[in-house]
Amino acid sequence: MILALRPTATEDLDFVLTTEQNRENSSFIQQWTPQQHADALCDRDLSHLIIERTTPKLSVGYIILAGLENPHCSIELRRLVVKDKGKGYGTAALRLIKKLAFEQLHAHRLWLDVKDFNYIARRLYEKEGFVVEGILRECLKVGDRFESLVLMSMLQSEYKANSE
């Protein structure tokens, strides 16, 4: 299986929204409107990308990176959303994201937040070298309850040490 990242096009937004709203993803992601995704395609500080299987060509997810213009070289992995679970797409996509962030965008730091109850994603991030920095306790109001976020990051030096 070979995956590639390509810029999201307007024609991809139906796929993005369907993937985001899928019941396997929706509880882990704050839902965006179609306009928010469309605006993100034009935002110079964001990179909205489709995760694509190259043979046969098939969209399997999307990512959003933020902070491309951050003067501190700190890039946020704002979204990593995969359509079909359990096929290794998330792991392969995360490796492409790290390579993009550290080798092409020259990030010093790649960071993310993940809902504390998203154990599968947390295990993936830890396995791929992300370090827990802390917890934003009950920072999101969802309906009548509050949810916590776990902050995680990887530094360029850690990426290089694990890549050698």
Protein backbone atom coordinates (compact mmCIF):
# COMPACT_ATOMS: atom_id res chain seq x y z
CA MET A 1 0.00 0.00 0.00
CA ILE A 2 1.41 3.35 -1.02
CA LEU A 3 -0.16 6.57 0.24
CA ALA A 4 0.40 10.12 -0.92
CA LEU A 5 -0.78 13.53 0.23
CA ARG A 6 -2.23 16.01 -2.24
CA PRO A 7 -3.89 19.40 -1.82
CA THR A 8 -7.61 19.20 -1.19
CA ALA A 9 -9.66 20.56 -4.09
CA THR A 10 -13.16 21.99 -3.92
CA GLU A 11 -14.41 18.78 -5.55
CA ASP A 12 -13.06 16.82 -2.55
CA LEU A 13 -15.14 18.66 0.04
CA ASP A 14 -18.09 16.23 -0.13
CA PHE A 15 -15.66 13.39 0.67
CA VAL A 16 -14.12 15.44 3.50
CA LEU A 17 -17.48 16.25 5.07
CA THR A 18 -18.79 12.68 4.72
CA THR A 19 -15.61 11.30 6.28
CA GLU A 20 -15.71 13.81 9.12
CA GLN A 21 -19.37 13.10 9.86
CA ASN A 22 -18.99 9.31 9.73
CA ARG A 23 -20.10 7.81 13.05
CA GLU A 24 -16.63 6.28 13.57
CA ASN A 25 -15.08 9.78 13.38
CA SER A 26 -17.68 12.32 14.50
CA SER A 27 -17.25 11.89 18.27
CA PHE A 28 -13.51 12.57 17.97
CA ILE A 29 -13.65 15.67 15.74
CA GLN A 30 -15.27 19.06 16.13
CA GLN A 31 -17.51 19.30 13.09
CA TRP A 32 -16.79 22.01 10.55
CA THR A 33 -19.25 23.53 8.13
CA PRO A 34 -18.69 23.24 4.38
CA GLN A 35 -17.74 26.94 4.41
CA GLN A 36 -15.07 26.43 7.08
CA HIS A 37 -13.45 23.71 4.96
CA ALA A 38 -13.73 25.86 1.81
CA ASP A 39 -12.13 28.80 3.64
CA ALA A 40 -9.31 26.53 4.84
CA LEU A 41 -8.41 25.74 1.21
CA CYS A 42 -7.47 29.41 0.72
CA ASP A 43 -5.81 30.07 4.07
CA ARG A 44 -2.04 30.47 3.69
CA ASP A 45 -1.48 29.40 7.29
CA LEU A 46 -3.23 26.05 6.71
CA SER A 47 -2.53 23.01 4.59
CA HIS A 48 -5.68 20.99 3.80
CA LEU A 49 -4.62 17.71 2.22
CA ILE A 50 -6.25 14.52 0.96
CA ILE A 51 -4.72 11.20 1.96
CA GLU A 52 -4.81 9.12 -1.19
CA ARG A 53 -4.01 5.50 -1.89
CA THR A 54 -2.02 5.58 -5.12
CA THR A 55 -2.92 2.16 -6.58
CA PRO A 56 -5.76 1.99 -7.19
CA LYS A 57 -6.30 5.72 -6.74
CA LEU A 58 -8.68 6.21 -3.83
CA SER A 59 -9.18 8.95 -1.22
CA VAL A 60 -8.89 7.37 2.23
CA GLY A 61 -8.82 10.44 4.49
CA TYR A 62 -7.70 14.00 4.97
CA ILE A 63 -5.44 16.10 7.15
CA ILE A 64 -5.21 19.73 8.15
CA LEU A 65 -1.95 21.29 9.26
CA ALA A 66 -1.98 24.74 10.87
CA GLY A 67 0.74 27.23 11.70
CA LEU A 68 2.56 27.16 8.38
CA GLU A 69 3.42 30.84 8.91
CA ASN A 70 4.22 30.42 12.61
CA PRO A 71 7.44 32.34 13.36
CA HIS A 72 8.33 29.76 16.03
CA CYS A 73 8.35 26.88 13.50
CA SER A 74 5.61 25.09 15.44
CA ILE A 75 3.09 23.26 13.24
CA GLU A 76 -0.18 21.90 14.54
CA LEU A 77 -1.64 18.67 13.23
CA ARG A 78 -5.19 19.93 13.48
CA ARG A 79 -6.89 16.98 11.79
CA LEU A 80 -6.01 13.44 10.78
CA VAL A 81 -9.20 11.71 9.68
CA VAL A 82 -9.28 8.29 8.04
CA LYS A 83 -12.31 6.78 6.35
CA ASP A 84 -11.57 3.03 6.62
CA LYS A 85 -10.18 1.99 9.99
CA GLY A 86 -7.82 -0.90 10.64
CA LYS A 87 -6.00 -0.87 7.30
CA GLY A 88 -2.86 1.00 8.37
CA TYR A 89 -3.85 4.25 6.67
CA GLY A 90 -3.52 6.28 9.88
CA THR A 91 0.00 5.06 10.61
CA ALA A 92 1.17 5.54 7.02
CA ALA A 93 -0.44 9.00 6.84
CA LEU A 94 1.14 10.08 10.15
CA ARG A 95 4.57 9.10 8.84
CA LEU A 96 3.96 11.20 5.71
CA ILE A 97 2.83 14.10 7.89
CA LYS A 98 5.99 13.94 10.02
CA LYS A 99 8.16 13.83 6.91
CA LEU A 100 6.29 16.80 5.42
CA ALA A 101 6.45 18.83 8.64
CA PHE A 102 10.11 18.24 9.45
CA GLU A 103 11.75 17.73 6.07
CA GLN A 104 9.80 20.05 3.77
CA LEU A 105 8.24 22.65 6.06
CA HIS A 106 11.28 22.68 8.40
CA ALA A 107 9.20 22.59 11.57
CA HIS A 108 10.97 22.62 14.90
CA ARG A 109 7.88 21.19 16.62
CA LEU A 110 4.84 19.23 15.45
CA TRP A 111 2.00 19.18 17.94
CA LEU A 112 -1.59 18.05 18.28
CA ASP A 113 -4.39 17.61 20.72
CA VAL A 114 -6.49 14.48 20.98
CA LYS A 115 -9.59 13.75 23.02
CA ASP A 116 -8.58 11.87 26.15
CA PHE A 117 -10.94 8.97 25.39
CA ASN A 118 -9.56 8.43 21.86
CA TYR A 119 -7.27 5.60 23.00
CA ILE A 120 -6.55 4.24 19.52
CA ALA A 121 -5.29 7.60 18.25
CA ARG A 122 -3.31 8.24 21.44
CA ARG A 123 -1.56 4.86 21.12
CA LEU A 124 -0.73 5.61 17.47
CA TYR A 125 0.77 9.00 18.31
CA GLU A 126 2.81 7.56 21.18
CA LYS A 127 4.03 4.66 19.02
CA GLU A 128 5.12 7.18 16.38
CA GLY A 129 7.17 9.18 18.89
CA PHE A 130 4.82 11.90 20.15
CA VAL A 131 5.24 12.87 23.81
CA VAL A 132 2.39 13.83 26.14
CA GLU A 133 2.83 17.43 27.28
CA GLY A 134 -0.27 17.78 29.39
CA ILE A 135 -4.03 17.68 29.60
CA LEU A 136 -6.50 20.48 29.00
CA ARG A 137 -9.07 19.31 31.51
CA GLU A 138 -12.72 19.56 30.49
CA CYS A 139 -11.97 22.31 27.98
CA LEU A 140 -14.63 21.36 25.40
CA LYS A 141 -18.36 21.60 26.06
CA VAL A 142 -20.17 18.91 24.11
CA GLY A 143 -23.89 18.99 24.74
CA ASP A 144 -24.34 18.96 28.51
CA ARG A 145 -20.91 17.50 29.35
CA PHE A 146 -17.26 18.52 29.11
CA GLU A 147 -14.38 16.69 27.41
CA SER A 148 -10.63 16.88 27.99
CA LEU A 149 -7.82 17.11 25.43
CA VAL A 150 -4.37 15.53 25.69
CA LEU A 151 -1.59 17.73 24.24
CA MET A 152 1.19 15.83 22.45
CA SER A 153 4.22 16.90 20.44
CA MET A 154 7.36 15.81 18.66
CA LEU A 155 10.48 17.90 18.18
CA GLN A 156 12.63 17.91 15.06
CA SER A 157 15.53 16.41 17.03
CA GLU A 158 13.30 13.51 18.13
CA TYR A 159 12.14 12.97 14.55
CA LYS A 160 15.73 12.90 13.31
CA ALA A 161 16.83 10.52 16.07
CA ASN A 162 14.00 8.10 15.21
CA SER A 163 14.58 8.39 11.45
CA GLU A 164 18.23 7.32 11.54
